[in-house]
PDB file of N, CA and C in Angstrom:
ATOM      1  N   MET A   1      54.962 -42.618 146.386  1.00  0.00           N
ATOM      2  CA  MET A   1      56.143 -41.895 145.962  1.00  0.00           C
ATOM      3  C   MET A   1      55.857 -40.397 146.014  1.00  0.00           C
ATOM      4  N   ALA A   2      56.793 -39.640 146.536  1.00  0.00           N
ATOM      5  CA  ALA A   2      56.625 -38.198 146.678  1.00  0.00           C
ATOM      6  C   ALA A   2      56.700 -37.506 145.325  1.00  0.00           C
ATOM      7  N   ALA A   3      55.906 -36.451 145.187  1.00  0.00           N
ATOM      8  CA  ALA A   3      55.978 -35.613 143.991  1.00  0.00           C
ATOM      9  C   ALA A   3      57.241 -34.762 144.067  1.00  0.00           C
ATOM     10  N   THR A   4      57.721 -34.308 142.919  1.00  0.00           N
ATOM     11  CA  THR A   4      58.901 -33.448 142.876  1.00  0.00           C
ATOM     12  C   THR A   4      58.488 -32.050 142.452  1.00  0.00           C
ATOM     13  N   ALA A   5      58.932 -31.068 143.214  1.00  0.00           N
ATOM     14  CA  ALA A   5      58.686 -29.660 142.879  1.00  0.00           C
ATOM     15  C   ALA A   5      59.928 -28.869 143.262  1.00  0.00           C
ATOM     16  N   ASN A   6      60.510 -28.173 142.307  1.00  0.00           N
ATOM     17  CA  ASN A   6      61.685 -27.351 142.575  1.00  0.00           C
ATOM     18  C   ASN A   6      61.239 -25.912 142.835  1.00  0.00           C
ATOM     19  N   LEU A   7      61.895 -25.257 143.795  1.00  0.00           N
ATOM     20  CA  LEU A   7      61.505 -23.920 144.239  1.00  0.00           C
ATOM     21  C   LEU A   7      62.686 -22.964 144.173  1.00  0.00           C
ATOM     22  N   ILE A   8      62.383 -21.665 144.174  1.00  0.00           N
ATOM     23  CA  ILE A   8      63.409 -20.618 144.232  1.00  0.00           C
ATOM     24  C   ILE A   8      63.103 -19.724 145.425  1.00  0.00           C
ATOM     25  N   ILE A   9      64.139 -19.442 146.218  1.00  0.00           N
ATOM     26  CA  ILE A   9      64.023 -18.510 147.345  1.00  0.00           C
ATOM     27  C   ILE A   9      64.987 -17.367 147.090  1.00  0.00           C
ATOM     28  N   GLU A  10      64.507 -16.140 147.263  1.00  0.00           N
ATOM     29  CA  GLU A  10      65.359 -14.958 147.150  1.00  0.00           C
ATOM     30  C   GLU A  10      65.856 -14.607 148.540  1.00  0.00           C
ATOM     31  N   GLN A  11      67.165 -14.628 148.714  1.00  0.00           N
ATOM     32  CA  GLN A  11      67.784 -14.348 150.007  1.00  0.00           C
ATOM     33  C   GLN A  11      67.351 -12.960 150.493  1.00  0.00           C
ATOM     34  N   GLY A  12      66.929 -12.861 151.757  1.00  0.00           N
ATOM     35  CA  GLY A  12      66.539 -11.588 152.358  1.00  0.00           C
ATOM     36  C   GLY A  12      65.099 -11.180 152.104  1.00  0.00           C
ATOM     37  N   ALA A  13      64.355 -11.972 151.325  1.00  0.00           N
ATOM     38  CA  ALA A  13      62.959 -11.650 151.014  1.00  0.00           C
ATOM     39  C   ALA A  13      62.031 -12.652 151.704  1.00  0.00           C
ATOM     40  N   THR A  14      60.782 -12.272 151.861  1.00  0.00           N
ATOM     41  CA  THR A  14      59.775 -13.184 152.373  1.00  0.00           C
ATOM     42  C   THR A  14      59.545 -14.280 151.338  1.00  0.00           C
ATOM     43  N   PHE A  15      59.527 -15.519 151.791  1.00  0.00           N
ATOM     44  CA  PHE A  15      59.263 -16.652 150.907  1.00  0.00           C
ATOM     45  C   PHE A  15      57.950 -17.310 151.302  1.00  0.00           C
ATOM     46  N   THR A  16      57.070 -17.513 150.333  1.00  0.00           N
ATOM     47  CA  THR A  16      55.821 -18.239 150.527  1.00  0.00           C
ATOM     48  C   THR A  16      55.535 -19.041 149.276  1.00  0.00           C
ATOM     49  N   SER A  17      55.152 -20.286 149.466  1.00  0.00           N
ATOM     50  CA  SER A  17      54.773 -21.128 148.339  1.00  0.00           C
ATOM     51  C   SER A  17      53.687 -22.088 148.783  1.00  0.00           C
ATOM     52  N   ASP A  18      52.585 -22.127 148.034  1.00  0.00           N
ATOM     53  CA  ASP A  18      51.525 -23.092 148.294  1.00  0.00           C
ATOM     54  C   ASP A  18      51.784 -24.333 147.460  1.00  0.00           C
ATOM     55  N   VAL A  19      51.701 -25.487 148.089  1.00  0.00           N
ATOM     56  CA  VAL A  19      51.814 -26.755 147.374  1.00  0.00           C
ATOM     57  C   VAL A  19      50.522 -27.532 147.611  1.00  0.00           C
ATOM     58  N   THR A  20      50.057 -28.195 146.582  1.00  0.00           N
ATOM     59  CA  THR A  20      48.830 -28.966 146.687  1.00  0.00           C
ATOM     60  C   THR A  20      49.167 -30.453 146.636  1.00  0.00           C
ATOM     61  N   VAL A  21      48.779 -31.160 147.680  1.00  0.00           N
ATOM     62  CA  VAL A  21      48.996 -32.601 147.759  1.00  0.00           C
ATOM     63  C   VAL A  21      47.825 -33.272 147.045  1.00  0.00           C
ATOM     64  N   LYS A  22      48.155 -34.229 146.158  1.00  0.00           N
ATOM     65  CA  LYS A  22      47.129 -34.910 145.365  1.00  0.00           C
ATOM     66  C   LYS A  22      47.080 -36.399 145.713  1.00  0.00           C
ATOM     67  N   ASP A  23      45.885 -36.979 145.589  1.00  0.00           N
ATOM     68  CA  ASP A  23      45.712 -38.427 145.676  1.00  0.00           C
ATOM     69  C   ASP A  23      46.251 -39.069 144.413  1.00  0.00           C
ATOM     70  N   THR A  24      46.314 -40.391 144.406  1.00  0.00           N
ATOM     71  CA  THR A  24      46.789 -41.095 143.217  1.00  0.00           C
ATOM     72  C   THR A  24      45.887 -40.858 142.010  1.00  0.00           C
ATOM     73  N   ASP A  25      44.626 -40.502 142.234  1.00  0.00           N
ATOM     74  CA  ASP A  25      43.716 -40.226 141.116  1.00  0.00           C
ATOM     75  C   ASP A  25      43.759 -38.770 140.666  1.00  0.00           C
ATOM     76  N   GLY A  26      44.632 -37.966 141.289  1.00  0.00           N
ATOM     77  CA  GLY A  26      44.798 -36.573 140.885  1.00  0.00           C
ATOM     78  C   GLY A  26      43.918 -35.575 141.611  1.00  0.00           C
ATOM     79  N   SER A  27      43.042 -36.043 142.504  1.00  0.00           N
ATOM     80  CA  SER A  27      42.205 -35.114 143.268  1.00  0.00           C
ATOM     81  C   SER A  27      42.951 -34.660 144.523  1.00  0.00           C
ATOM     82  N   ALA A  28      42.484 -33.556 145.108  1.00  0.00           N
ATOM     83  CA  ALA A  28      43.126 -33.015 146.310  1.00  0.00           C
ATOM     84  C   ALA A  28      43.083 -34.034 147.448  1.00  0.00           C
ATOM     85  N   PHE A  29      44.209 -34.193 148.134  1.00  0.00           N
ATOM     86  CA  PHE A  29      44.329 -35.106 149.272  1.00  0.00           C
ATOM     87  C   PHE A  29      43.718 -34.431 150.496  1.00  0.00           C
ATOM     88  N   ASP A  30      42.830 -35.118 151.189  1.00  0.00           N
ATOM     89  CA  ASP A  30      42.199 -34.573 152.389  1.00  0.00           C
ATOM     90  C   ASP A  30      43.201 -34.624 153.542  1.00  0.00           C
ATOM     91  N   LEU A  31      43.615 -33.456 154.024  1.00  0.00           N
ATOM     92  CA  LEU A  31      44.622 -33.352 155.080  1.00  0.00           C
ATOM     93  C   LEU A  31      44.029 -33.357 156.489  1.00  0.00           C
ATOM     94  N   THR A  32      42.734 -33.660 156.608  1.00  0.00           N
ATOM     95  CA  THR A  32      42.104 -33.738 157.921  1.00  0.00           C
ATOM     96  C   THR A  32      42.811 -34.808 158.752  1.00  0.00           C
ATOM     97  N   GLY A  33      43.219 -34.450 159.960  1.00  0.00           N
ATOM     98  CA  GLY A  33      43.887 -35.395 160.849  1.00  0.00           C
ATOM     99  C   GLY A  33      45.391 -35.492 160.641  1.00  0.00           C
ATOM    100  N   TYR A  34      45.941 -34.638 159.773  1.00  0.00           N
ATOM    101  CA  TYR A  34      47.376 -34.636 159.493  1.00  0.00           C
ATOM    102  C   TYR A  34      47.999 -33.318 159.941  1.00  0.00           C
ATOM    103  N   SER A  35      49.286 -33.368 160.236  1.00  0.00           N
ATOM    104  CA  SER A  35      50.081 -32.154 160.410  1.00  0.00           C
ATOM    105  C   SER A  35      51.228 -32.245 159.411  1.00  0.00           C
ATOM    106  N   ALA A  36      51.734 -31.089 158.990  1.00  0.00           N
ATOM    107  CA  ALA A  36      52.789 -31.043 157.978  1.00  0.00           C
ATOM    108  C   ALA A  36      54.078 -30.512 158.581  1.00  0.00           C
ATOM    109  N   SER A  37      55.202 -30.985 158.035  1.00  0.00           N
ATOM    110  CA  SER A  37      56.504 -30.446 158.403  1.00  0.00           C
ATOM    111  C   SER A  37      57.375 -30.437 157.155  1.00  0.00           C
ATOM    112  N   ALA A  38      58.327 -29.511 157.125  1.00  0.00           N
ATOM    113  CA  ALA A  38      59.235 -29.410 155.982  1.00  0.00           C
ATOM    114  C   ALA A  38      60.607 -28.989 156.481  1.00  0.00           C
ATOM    115  N   LYS A  39      61.622 -29.487 155.768  1.00  0.00           N
ATOM    116  CA  LYS A  39      62.997 -29.124 156.124  1.00  0.00           C
ATOM    117  C   LYS A  39      63.820 -29.011 154.851  1.00  0.00           C
ATOM    118  N   MET A  40      64.915 -28.271 154.951  1.00  0.00           N
ATOM    119  CA  MET A  40      65.829 -28.116 153.822  1.00  0.00           C
ATOM    120  C   MET A  40      67.255 -28.178 154.340  1.00  0.00           C
ATOM    121  N   ALA A  41      68.174 -28.592 153.464  1.00  0.00           N
ATOM    122  CA  ALA A  41      69.588 -28.706 153.843  1.00  0.00           C
ATOM    123  C   ALA A  41      70.434 -28.631 152.583  1.00  0.00           C
ATOM    124  N   LEU A  42      71.710 -28.284 152.742  1.00  0.00           N
ATOM    125  CA  LEU A  42      72.615 -28.216 151.597  1.00  0.00           C
ATOM    126  C   LEU A  42      72.915 -29.598 151.021  1.00  0.00           C
ATOM    127  N   GLY A  43      72.657 -30.630 151.765  1.00  0.00           N
ATOM    128  CA  GLY A  43      72.835 -31.998 151.289  1.00  0.00           C
ATOM    129  C   GLY A  43      72.019 -32.936 152.152  1.00  0.00           C
ATOM    130  N   TYR A  44      71.736 -34.116 151.635  1.00  0.00           N
ATOM    131  CA  TYR A  44      70.885 -35.055 152.363  1.00  0.00           C
ATOM    132  C   TYR A  44      71.450 -35.419 153.726  1.00  0.00           C
ATOM    133  N   ALA A  45      72.754 -35.528 153.842  1.00  0.00           N
ATOM    134  CA  ALA A  45      73.372 -35.932 155.105  1.00  0.00           C
ATOM    135  C   ALA A  45      73.898 -34.752 155.918  1.00  0.00           C
ATOM    136  N   SER A  46      73.732 -33.540 155.412  1.00  0.00           N
ATOM    137  CA  SER A  46      74.269 -32.359 156.087  1.00  0.00           C
ATOM    138  C   SER A  46      73.537 -32.103 157.401  1.00  0.00           C
ATOM    139  N   THR A  47      74.295 -31.903 158.456  1.00  0.00           N
ATOM    140  CA  THR A  47      73.692 -31.546 159.746  1.00  0.00           C
ATOM    141  C   THR A  47      73.906 -30.066 160.057  1.00  0.00           C
ATOM    142  N   ARG A  48      74.907 -29.457 159.452  1.00  0.00           N
ATOM    143  CA  ARG A  48      75.251 -28.067 159.736  1.00  0.00           C
ATOM    144  C   ARG A  48      74.266 -27.086 159.095  1.00  0.00           C
ATOM    145  N   THR A  49      73.682 -27.456 157.988  1.00  0.00           N
ATOM    146  CA  THR A  49      72.895 -26.494 157.219  1.00  0.00           C
ATOM    147  C   THR A  49      71.408 -26.809 157.209  1.00  0.00           C
ATOM    148  N   ARG A  50      70.913 -27.538 158.172  1.00  0.00           N
ATOM    149  CA  ARG A  50      69.484 -27.870 158.204  1.00  0.00           C
ATOM    150  C   ARG A  50      68.659 -26.660 158.623  1.00  0.00           C
ATOM    151  N   THR A  51      67.566 -26.444 157.909  1.00  0.00           N
ATOM    152  CA  THR A  51      66.645 -25.350 158.202  1.00  0.00           C
ATOM    153  C   THR A  51      65.223 -25.897 158.191  1.00  0.00           C
ATOM    154  N   THR A  52      64.445 -25.549 159.189  1.00  0.00           N
ATOM    155  CA  THR A  52      63.035 -25.917 159.211  1.00  0.00           C
ATOM    156  C   THR A  52      62.257 -24.883 158.411  1.00  0.00           C
ATOM    157  N   ILE A  53      61.421 -25.364 157.523  1.00  0.00           N
ATOM    158  CA  ILE A  53      60.534 -24.477 156.751  1.00  0.00           C
ATOM    159  C   ILE A  53      59.193 -24.459 157.470  1.00  0.00           C
ATOM    160  N   ASN A  54      58.649 -23.264 157.697  1.00  0.00           N
ATOM    161  CA  ASN A  54      57.352 -23.139 158.363  1.00  0.00           C
ATOM    162  C   ASN A  54      56.269 -23.715 157.448  1.00  0.00           C
ATOM    163  N   THR A  55      55.336 -24.461 158.039  1.00  0.00           N
ATOM    164  CA  THR A  55      54.243 -25.057 157.268  1.00  0.00           C
ATOM    165  C   THR A  55      52.912 -24.751 157.920  1.00  0.00           C
ATOM    166  N   SER A  56      51.888 -24.613 157.096  1.00  0.00           N
ATOM    167  CA  SER A  56      50.524 -24.506 157.604  1.00  0.00           C
ATOM    168  C   SER A  56      49.585 -25.154 156.598  1.00  0.00           C
ATOM    169  N   ILE A  57      48.580 -25.834 157.119  1.00  0.00           N
ATOM    170  CA  ILE A  57      47.572 -26.474 156.281  1.00  0.00           C
ATOM    171  C   ILE A  57      46.434 -25.485 156.090  1.00  0.00           C
ATOM    172  N   ASP A  58      45.931 -25.393 154.863  1.00  0.00           N
ATOM    173  CA  ASP A  58      44.835 -24.479 154.522  1.00  0.00           C
ATOM    174  C   ASP A  58      43.688 -24.636 155.515  1.00  0.00           C
ATOM    175  N   GLY A  59      42.947 -23.554 155.739  1.00  0.00           N
ATOM    176  CA  GLY A  59      41.808 -23.572 156.654  1.00  0.00           C
ATOM    177  C   GLY A  59      40.798 -24.660 156.322  1.00  0.00           C
ATOM    178  N   ASP A  60      40.700 -25.035 155.043  1.00  0.00           N
ATOM    179  CA  ASP A  60      39.869 -26.149 154.608  1.00  0.00           C
ATOM    180  C   ASP A  60      40.803 -27.284 154.205  1.00  0.00           C
ATOM    181  N   PRO A  61      41.050 -28.239 155.113  1.00  0.00           N
ATOM    182  CA  PRO A  61      42.042 -29.281 154.828  1.00  0.00           C
ATOM    183  C   PRO A  61      41.692 -30.169 153.638  1.00  0.00           C
ATOM    184  N   THR A  62      40.439 -30.123 153.175  1.00  0.00           N
ATOM    185  CA  THR A  62      40.060 -30.961 152.031  1.00  0.00           C
ATOM    186  C   THR A  62      40.626 -30.434 150.720  1.00  0.00           C
ATOM    187  N   THR A  63      41.206 -29.218 150.725  1.00  0.00           N
ATOM    188  CA  THR A  63      41.809 -28.665 149.498  1.00  0.00           C
ATOM    189  C   THR A  63      43.183 -29.258 149.219  1.00  0.00           C
ATOM    190  N   GLY A  64      43.810 -29.877 150.238  1.00  0.00           N
ATOM    191  CA  GLY A  64      45.137 -30.456 150.070  1.00  0.00           C
ATOM    192  C   GLY A  64      46.262 -29.434 150.028  1.00  0.00           C
ATOM    193  N   ILE A  65      45.973 -28.181 150.374  1.00  0.00           N
ATOM    194  CA  ILE A  65      46.979 -27.114 150.248  1.00  0.00           C
ATOM    195  C   ILE A  65      47.783 -26.956 151.536  1.00  0.00           C
ATOM    196  N   ILE A  66      49.112 -26.976 151.356  1.00  0.00           N
ATOM    197  CA  ILE A  66      50.056 -26.702 152.440  1.00  0.00           C
ATOM    198  C   ILE A  66      50.853 -25.468 152.029  1.00  0.00           C
ATOM    199  N   THR A  67      50.953 -24.501 152.922  1.00  0.00           N
ATOM    200  CA  THR A  67      51.749 -23.308 152.662  1.00  0.00           C
ATOM    201  C   THR A  67      53.105 -23.455 153.324  1.00  0.00           C
ATOM    202  N   LEU A  68      54.156 -23.240 152.534  1.00  0.00           N
ATOM    203  CA  LEU A  68      55.532 -23.233 153.031  1.00  0.00           C
ATOM    204  C   LEU A  68      55.954 -21.776 153.134  1.00  0.00           C
ATOM    205  N   SER A  69      56.675 -21.412 154.200  1.00  0.00           N
ATOM    206  CA  SER A  69      57.087 -20.012 154.321  1.00  0.00           C
ATOM    207  C   SER A  69      58.362 -19.862 155.150  1.00  0.00           C
ATOM    208  N   LEU A  70      59.077 -18.775 154.835  1.00  0.00           N
ATOM    209  CA  LEU A  70      60.245 -18.338 155.598  1.00  0.00           C
ATOM    210  C   LEU A  70      60.198 -16.818 155.668  1.00  0.00           C
ATOM    211  N   SER A  71      60.597 -16.264 156.798  1.00  0.00           N
ATOM    212  CA  SER A  71      60.631 -14.810 156.972  1.00  0.00           C
ATOM    213  C   SER A  71      61.875 -14.241 156.283  1.00  0.00           C
ATOM    214  N   PRO A  72      61.919 -12.910 156.087  1.00  0.00           N
ATOM    215  CA  PRO A  72      63.128 -12.301 155.522  1.00  0.00           C
ATOM    216  C   PRO A  72      64.385 -12.602 156.346  1.00  0.00           C
ATOM    217  N   THR A  73      64.258 -12.640 157.666  1.00  0.00           N
ATOM    218  CA  THR A  73      65.405 -12.970 158.515  1.00  0.00           C
ATOM    219  C   THR A  73      65.861 -14.404 158.255  1.00  0.00           C
ATOM    220  N   GLU A  74      64.906 -15.313 158.133  1.00  0.00           N
ATOM    221  CA  GLU A  74      65.261 -16.715 157.885  1.00  0.00           C
ATOM    222  C   GLU A  74      65.922 -16.894 156.519  1.00  0.00           C
ATOM    223  N   THR A  75      65.423 -16.206 155.486  1.00  0.00           N
ATOM    224  CA  THR A  75      66.048 -16.346 154.165  1.00  0.00           C
ATOM    225  C   THR A  75      67.397 -15.647 154.119  1.00  0.00           C
ATOM    226  N   SER A  76      67.583 -14.596 154.909  1.00  0.00           N
ATOM    227  CA  SER A  76      68.884 -13.918 154.971  1.00  0.00           C
ATOM    228  C   SER A  76      69.960 -14.841 155.525  1.00  0.00           C
ATOM    229  N   ASN A  77      69.559 -15.763 156.397  1.00  0.00           N
ATOM    230  CA  ASN A  77      70.506 -16.683 157.018  1.00  0.00           C
ATOM    231  C   ASN A  77      70.884 -17.868 156.126  1.00  0.00           C
ATOM    232  N   LEU A  78      70.237 -17.999 154.976  1.00  0.00           N
ATOM    233  CA  LEU A  78      70.564 -19.090 154.066  1.00  0.00           C
ATOM    234  C   LEU A  78      71.823 -18.760 153.270  1.00  0.00           C
ATOM    235  N   GLU A  79      72.630 -19.772 152.980  1.00  0.00           N
ATOM    236  CA  GLU A  79      73.794 -19.572 152.121  1.00  0.00           C
ATOM    237  C   GLU A  79      73.305 -19.320 150.696  1.00  0.00           C
ATOM    238  N   ALA A  80      73.978 -18.393 150.016  1.00  0.00           N
ATOM    239  CA  ALA A  80      73.587 -18.090 148.635  1.00  0.00           C
ATOM    240  C   ALA A  80      74.790 -17.546 147.886  1.00  0.00           C
ATOM    241  N   PRO A  81      74.922 -17.828 146.614  1.00  0.00           N
ATOM    242  CA  PRO A  81      74.037 -18.722 145.872  1.00  0.00           C
ATOM    243  C   PRO A  81      74.256 -20.159 146.318  1.00  0.00           C
ATOM    244  N   ALA A  82      73.179 -20.911 146.352  1.00  0.00           N
ATOM    245  CA  ALA A  82      73.274 -22.299 146.790  1.00  0.00           C
ATOM    246  C   ALA A  82      72.063 -23.081 146.324  1.00  0.00           C
ATOM    247  N   ARG A  83      72.240 -24.401 146.306  1.00  0.00           N
ATOM    248  CA  ARG A  83      71.142 -25.310 146.005  1.00  0.00           C
ATOM    249  C   ARG A  83      70.953 -26.217 147.214  1.00  0.00           C
ATOM    250  N   TYR A  84      69.751 -26.233 147.722  1.00  0.00           N
ATOM    251  CA  TYR A  84      69.384 -27.045 148.870  1.00  0.00           C
ATOM    252  C   TYR A  84      68.458 -28.173 148.404  1.00  0.00           C
ATOM    253  N   VAL A  85      68.412 -29.261 149.150  1.00  0.00           N
ATOM    254  CA  VAL A  85      67.381 -30.273 148.974  1.00  0.00           C
ATOM    255  C   VAL A  85      66.328 -30.032 150.055  1.00  0.00           C
ATOM    256  N   TYR A  86      65.094 -30.422 149.773  1.00  0.00           N
ATOM    257  CA  TYR A  86      64.040 -30.242 150.769  1.00  0.00           C
ATOM    258  C   TYR A  86      63.013 -31.356 150.625  1.00  0.00           C
ATOM    259  N   ASP A  87      62.206 -31.521 151.677  1.00  0.00           N
ATOM    260  CA  ASP A  87      61.047 -32.401 151.584  1.00  0.00           C
ATOM    261  C   ASP A  87      59.951 -31.925 152.522  1.00  0.00           C
ATOM    262  N   VAL A  88      58.736 -32.354 152.199  1.00  0.00           N
ATOM    263  CA  VAL A  88      57.544 -32.052 152.996  1.00  0.00           C
ATOM    264  C   VAL A  88      56.941 -33.394 153.401  1.00  0.00           C
ATOM    265  N   GLU A  89      56.695 -33.546 154.691  1.00  0.00           N
ATOM    266  CA  GLU A  89      56.125 -34.789 155.204  1.00  0.00           C
ATOM    267  C   GLU A  89      54.836 -34.512 155.959  1.00  0.00           C
ATOM    268  N   LEU A  90      53.948 -35.512 155.942  1.00  0.00           N
ATOM    269  CA  LEU A  90      52.697 -35.451 156.689  1.00  0.00           C
ATOM    270  C   LEU A  90      52.746 -36.478 157.799  1.00  0.00           C
ATOM    271  N   LEU A  91      52.297 -36.080 158.987  1.00  0.00           N
ATOM    272  CA  LEU A  91      52.171 -36.982 160.125  1.00  0.00           C
ATOM    273  C   LEU A  91      50.685 -37.210 160.366  1.00  0.00           C
ATOM    274  N   LYS A  92      50.272 -38.467 160.320  1.00  0.00           N
ATOM    275  CA  LYS A  92      48.874 -38.818 160.583  1.00  0.00           C
ATOM    276  C   LYS A  92      48.713 -39.014 162.085  1.00  0.00           C
ATOM    277  N   ALA A  93      47.875 -38.187 162.716  1.00  0.00           N
ATOM    278  CA  ALA A  93      47.743 -38.189 164.172  1.00  0.00           C
ATOM    279  C   ALA A  93      47.222 -39.513 164.710  1.00  0.00           C
ATOM    280  N   SER A  94      46.347 -40.182 163.992  1.00  0.00           N
ATOM    281  CA  SER A  94      45.701 -41.383 164.522  1.00  0.00           C
ATOM    282  C   SER A  94      46.651 -42.562 164.703  1.00  0.00           C
ATOM    283  N   ASP A  95      47.703 -42.657 163.879  1.00  0.00           N
ATOM    284  CA  ASP A  95      48.607 -43.805 164.017  1.00  0.00           C
ATOM    285  C   ASP A  95      50.097 -43.426 163.943  1.00  0.00           C
ATOM    286  N   ASN A  96      50.396 -42.125 163.937  1.00  0.00           N
ATOM    287  CA  ASN A  96      51.772 -41.615 163.881  1.00  0.00           C
ATOM    288  C   ASN A  96      52.546 -42.060 162.645  1.00  0.00           C
ATOM    289  N   SER A  97      51.846 -42.411 161.573  1.00  0.00           N
ATOM    290  CA  SER A  97      52.539 -42.760 160.334  1.00  0.00           C
ATOM    291  C   SER A  97      52.970 -41.484 159.619  1.00  0.00           C
ATOM    292  N   VAL A  98      54.080 -41.584 158.891  1.00  0.00           N
ATOM    293  CA  VAL A  98      54.633 -40.436 158.180  1.00  0.00           C
ATOM    294  C   VAL A  98      54.652 -40.742 156.694  1.00  0.00           C
ATOM    295  N   ILE A  99      54.224 -39.750 155.898  1.00  0.00           N
ATOM    296  CA  ILE A  99      54.219 -39.864 154.443  1.00  0.00           C
ATOM    297  C   ILE A  99      55.019 -38.698 153.883  1.00  0.00           C
ATOM    298  N   ARG A 100      56.017 -38.965 153.060  1.00  0.00           N
ATOM    299  CA  ARG A 100      56.707 -37.880 152.354  1.00  0.00           C
ATOM    300  C   ARG A 100      55.881 -37.583 151.113  1.00  0.00           C
ATOM    301  N   VAL A 101      55.429 -36.332 150.957  1.00  0.00           N
ATOM    302  CA  VAL A 101      54.529 -36.004 149.850  1.00  0.00           C
ATOM    303  C   VAL A 101      55.186 -35.170 148.757  1.00  0.00           C
ATOM    304  N   ILE A 102      56.182 -34.372 149.109  1.00  0.00           N
ATOM    305  CA  ILE A 102      56.843 -33.515 148.125  1.00  0.00           C
ATOM    306  C   ILE A 102      58.325 -33.461 148.453  1.00  0.00           C
ATOM    307  N   GLN A 103      59.139 -33.426 147.405  1.00  0.00           N
ATOM    308  CA  GLN A 103      60.577 -33.284 147.580  1.00  0.00           C
ATOM    309  C   GLN A 103      61.124 -32.539 146.369  1.00  0.00           C
ATOM    310  N   GLY A 104      62.328 -32.022 146.515  1.00  0.00           N
ATOM    311  CA  GLY A 104      62.930 -31.346 145.376  1.00  0.00           C
ATOM    312  C   GLY A 104      64.142 -30.536 145.762  1.00  0.00           C
ATOM    313  N   ILE A 105      64.449 -29.589 144.892  1.00  0.00           N
ATOM    314  CA  ILE A 105      65.607 -28.722 145.065  1.00  0.00           C
ATOM    315  C   ILE A 105      65.125 -27.287 145.235  1.00  0.00           C
ATOM    316  N   ILE A 106      65.739 -26.593 146.168  1.00  0.00           N
ATOM    317  CA  ILE A 106      65.484 -25.159 146.355  1.00  0.00           C
ATOM    318  C   ILE A 106      66.756 -24.430 145.945  1.00  0.00           C
ATOM    319  N   THR A 107      66.616 -23.512 145.011  1.00  0.00           N
ATOM    320  CA  THR A 107      67.727 -22.658 144.610  1.00  0.00           C
ATOM    321  C   THR A 107      67.591 -21.338 145.362  1.00  0.00           C
ATOM    322  N   VAL A 108      68.644 -20.950 146.070  1.00  0.00           N
ATOM    323  CA  VAL A 108      68.631 -19.683 146.805  1.00  0.00           C
ATOM    324  C   VAL A 108      69.463 -18.688 146.020  1.00  0.00           C
ATOM    325  N   SER A 109      68.821 -17.597 145.583  1.00  0.00           N
ATOM    326  CA  SER A 109      69.540 -16.553 144.857  1.00  0.00           C
ATOM    327  C   SER A 109      69.955 -15.463 145.837  1.00  0.00           C
ATOM    328  N   PRO A 110      71.177 -14.977 145.748  1.00  0.00           N
ATOM    329  CA  PRO A 110      71.697 -14.015 146.730  1.00  0.00           C
ATOM    330  C   PRO A 110      71.130 -12.620 146.523  1.00  0.00           C
ATOM    331  N   ASN A 111      71.081 -11.893 147.646  1.00  0.00           N
ATOM    332  CA  ASN A 111      70.715 -10.469 147.541  1.00  0.00           C
ATOM    333  C   ASN A 111      72.006  -9.646 147.487  1.00  0.00           C
ATOM    334  N   VAL A 112      71.869  -8.406 147.144  1.00  0.00           N
ATOM    335  CA  VAL A 112      73.026  -7.515 147.046  1.00  0.00           C
ATOM    336  C   VAL A 112      73.407  -7.075 148.451  1.00  0.00           C
ATOM    337  N   THR A 113      74.678  -7.226 148.782  1.00  0.00           N
ATOM    338  CA  THR A 113      75.144  -6.792 150.100  1.00  0.00           C
ATOM    339  C   THR A 113      75.905  -5.475 149.954  1.00  0.00           C
ATOM    340  N   ILE A 114      75.812  -4.675 150.975  1.00  0.00           N
ATOM    341  CA  ILE A 114      76.471  -3.364 150.945  1.00  0.00           C
ATOM    342  C   ILE A 114      77.695  -3.402 151.814  1.00  0.00           C
TER     343      ILE A 114
END
């Protein structure tokens, strides 16, 4: 079962968040041999508002750390104020199995427009 983590993104600002994937015993999940992907949308079935979140696995994959990020241009393109759903999945290269590890809600706060 995926862990739940809710996030906040400020529209027009750089967004970065490190998430740590844990084993069932609470230790860091070894991400060796995995790649990560993340996406967000205004609703689970929404096709119009899907956004890919950039992901990178820490230089030491045994830490279980995945960095999620969006550039200022990417966050500017998000609707705000709004609440999005998101998830982070791991793809295991050896057998192409997919594991959803984190899911939750992203709240996008608007920036001031001139």
